[in-house]
N, C-alpha and C. Protein backbone atom coordinates (compact mmCIF):
# COMPACT_ATOMS: atom_id res chain seq x y z
N MET A 1 0.84 -1.17 0.00
CA MET A 1 0.00 0.00 0.00
C MET A 1 0.88 1.23 0.00
N GLU A 2 0.42 2.25 -0.73
CA GLU A 2 1.18 3.49 -0.77
C GLU A 2 0.22 4.66 -1.00
N PRO A 3 0.50 5.81 -0.42
CA PRO A 3 -0.34 6.98 -0.68
C PRO A 3 -0.29 7.30 -2.17
N HIS A 4 -1.42 7.76 -2.72
CA HIS A 4 -1.46 8.08 -4.15
C HIS A 4 -2.51 9.14 -4.41
N GLY A 5 -2.12 10.25 -4.95
CA GLY A 5 -3.07 11.27 -5.36
C GLY A 5 -3.80 11.97 -4.23
N GLY A 6 -3.19 12.07 -3.07
CA GLY A 6 -3.80 12.80 -1.97
C GLY A 6 -4.89 12.04 -1.24
N ALA A 7 -6.04 11.84 -1.87
CA ALA A 7 -7.18 11.22 -1.20
C ALA A 7 -7.29 9.73 -1.50
N LEU A 8 -6.26 9.14 -2.10
CA LEU A 8 -6.32 7.72 -2.46
C LEU A 8 -5.12 6.97 -1.92
N VAL A 9 -5.30 5.67 -1.77
CA VAL A 9 -4.23 4.75 -1.40
C VAL A 9 -4.15 3.71 -2.49
N ARG A 10 -2.97 3.44 -2.99
CA ARG A 10 -2.79 2.43 -4.03
C ARG A 10 -2.50 1.09 -3.35
N VAL A 11 -3.29 0.09 -3.70
CA VAL A 11 -3.13 -1.26 -3.16
C VAL A 11 -2.71 -2.17 -4.31
N ARG A 12 -1.58 -2.85 -4.16
CA ARG A 12 -1.08 -3.76 -5.20
C ARG A 12 -1.24 -5.20 -4.73
N THR A 13 -1.57 -6.08 -5.67
CA THR A 13 -1.73 -7.49 -5.34
C THR A 13 -0.62 -8.31 -5.97
N ALA A 14 -0.46 -9.54 -5.49
CA ALA A 14 0.53 -10.45 -6.05
C ALA A 14 0.20 -10.81 -7.50
N ALA A 15 -1.06 -10.65 -7.90
CA ALA A 15 -1.49 -10.98 -9.26
C ALA A 15 -1.32 -9.79 -10.21
N SER A 16 -0.52 -8.81 -9.84
CA SER A 16 -0.25 -7.63 -10.66
C SER A 16 -1.50 -6.79 -10.92
N VAL A 17 -2.41 -6.76 -9.97
CA VAL A 17 -3.60 -5.91 -10.04
C VAL A 17 -3.41 -4.79 -9.04
N THR A 18 -3.71 -3.56 -9.46
CA THR A 18 -3.60 -2.42 -8.58
C THR A 18 -4.96 -1.76 -8.45
N ALA A 19 -5.33 -1.42 -7.24
CA ALA A 19 -6.60 -0.72 -6.99
C ALA A 19 -6.30 0.53 -6.21
N GLU A 20 -7.04 1.59 -6.50
CA GLU A 20 -6.92 2.83 -5.75
C GLU A 20 -8.17 2.95 -4.89
N VAL A 21 -7.99 3.03 -3.59
CA VAL A 21 -9.10 3.10 -2.65
C VAL A 21 -8.89 4.28 -1.71
N THR A 22 -9.95 4.70 -1.06
CA THR A 22 -9.84 5.82 -0.13
C THR A 22 -9.22 5.35 1.18
N PRO A 23 -8.59 6.26 1.92
CA PRO A 23 -8.07 5.89 3.24
C PRO A 23 -9.18 5.35 4.15
N ALA A 24 -10.41 5.86 4.00
CA ALA A 24 -11.53 5.35 4.81
C ALA A 24 -11.80 3.88 4.49
N ALA A 25 -11.70 3.51 3.21
CA ALA A 25 -11.90 2.10 2.83
C ALA A 25 -10.79 1.23 3.40
N VAL A 26 -9.56 1.73 3.38
CA VAL A 26 -8.44 0.98 3.98
C VAL A 26 -8.72 0.73 5.45
N ALA A 27 -9.18 1.76 6.16
CA ALA A 27 -9.49 1.62 7.59
C ALA A 27 -10.67 0.68 7.81
N ASP A 28 -11.76 0.85 7.03
CA ASP A 28 -12.94 -0.01 7.19
C ASP A 28 -12.62 -1.48 6.96
N LEU A 29 -11.72 -1.74 6.00
CA LEU A 29 -11.36 -3.13 5.68
C LEU A 29 -10.18 -3.63 6.51
N ALA A 30 -9.63 -2.76 7.35
CA ALA A 30 -8.46 -3.09 8.18
C ALA A 30 -7.31 -3.64 7.33
N LEU A 31 -7.06 -2.98 6.19
CA LEU A 31 -6.00 -3.43 5.29
C LEU A 31 -4.63 -3.06 5.82
N GLU A 32 -3.74 -4.01 5.76
CA GLU A 32 -2.34 -3.82 6.09
C GLU A 32 -1.55 -4.63 5.09
N PRO A 33 -0.28 -4.30 4.85
CA PRO A 33 0.51 -5.11 3.93
C PRO A 33 0.44 -6.59 4.31
N GLY A 34 0.15 -7.42 3.32
CA GLY A 34 0.05 -8.86 3.55
C GLY A 34 -1.35 -9.35 3.86
N THR A 35 -2.32 -8.44 4.05
CA THR A 35 -3.69 -8.84 4.31
C THR A 35 -4.28 -9.50 3.07
N PRO A 36 -4.78 -10.74 3.18
CA PRO A 36 -5.41 -11.37 2.00
C PRO A 36 -6.73 -10.68 1.67
N VAL A 37 -6.98 -10.44 0.38
CA VAL A 37 -8.20 -9.78 -0.06
C VAL A 37 -8.74 -10.47 -1.31
N ARG A 38 -10.03 -10.24 -1.58
CA ARG A 38 -10.64 -10.62 -2.85
C ARG A 38 -11.11 -9.33 -3.49
N LEU A 39 -10.92 -9.23 -4.79
CA LEU A 39 -11.31 -8.02 -5.50
C LEU A 39 -12.59 -8.26 -6.28
N ALA A 40 -13.51 -7.34 -6.19
CA ALA A 40 -14.70 -7.32 -7.04
C ALA A 40 -14.59 -6.05 -7.87
N VAL A 41 -14.78 -6.18 -9.16
CA VAL A 41 -14.56 -5.07 -10.06
C VAL A 41 -15.86 -4.66 -10.73
N LYS A 42 -16.17 -3.38 -10.66
CA LYS A 42 -17.33 -2.82 -11.34
C LYS A 42 -16.83 -2.30 -12.70
N ALA A 43 -17.29 -2.91 -13.78
CA ALA A 43 -16.77 -2.61 -15.11
C ALA A 43 -16.83 -1.12 -15.44
N ALA A 44 -17.85 -0.43 -15.02
CA ALA A 44 -17.99 1.00 -15.32
C ALA A 44 -16.98 1.85 -14.56
N ALA A 45 -16.31 1.29 -13.58
CA ALA A 45 -15.38 2.05 -12.75
C ALA A 45 -13.91 1.74 -13.05
N ILE A 46 -13.64 1.06 -14.15
CA ILE A 46 -12.27 0.67 -14.48
C ILE A 46 -11.60 1.74 -15.32
N THR A 47 -10.36 2.06 -14.97
CA THR A 47 -9.52 2.92 -15.78
C THR A 47 -8.22 2.18 -15.99
N LEU A 48 -7.78 2.08 -17.24
CA LEU A 48 -6.52 1.39 -17.54
C LEU A 48 -5.41 2.43 -17.70
N HIS A 49 -4.24 2.10 -17.13
CA HIS A 49 -3.06 2.95 -17.22
C HIS A 49 -1.92 2.10 -17.76
N PRO A 50 -1.04 2.67 -18.57
CA PRO A 50 0.10 1.89 -19.07
C PRO A 50 0.95 1.39 -17.91
N ALA A 51 1.48 0.20 -18.06
CA ALA A 51 2.36 -0.36 -17.04
C ALA A 51 3.66 0.41 -17.01
N ALA A 52 4.24 0.52 -15.83
CA ALA A 52 5.52 1.21 -15.67
C ALA A 52 6.64 0.42 -16.32
N GLN A 53 6.49 -0.89 -16.35
CA GLN A 53 7.51 -1.75 -16.97
C GLN A 53 6.80 -2.95 -17.57
N ALA A 54 7.43 -3.58 -18.52
CA ALA A 54 6.85 -4.75 -19.18
C ALA A 54 6.74 -5.90 -18.19
N ILE A 55 5.63 -6.64 -18.27
CA ILE A 55 5.41 -7.80 -17.41
C ILE A 55 5.81 -9.04 -18.19
N GLY A 56 6.55 -9.89 -17.57
CA GLY A 56 6.89 -11.12 -18.28
C GLY A 56 8.24 -11.51 -18.02
């Protein structure tokens, strides 16, 4: 987890998925590094960004 964009926290998963959530959501979910999570994705809320480096 890392601060991102002021009002967001970036959460990265081992499956190379990144989600941006509010600090309130981090607190509500009691997220800490290493906390296992399941992601549910709302298709209308997806934004794709180029990867910083090639995966593979």
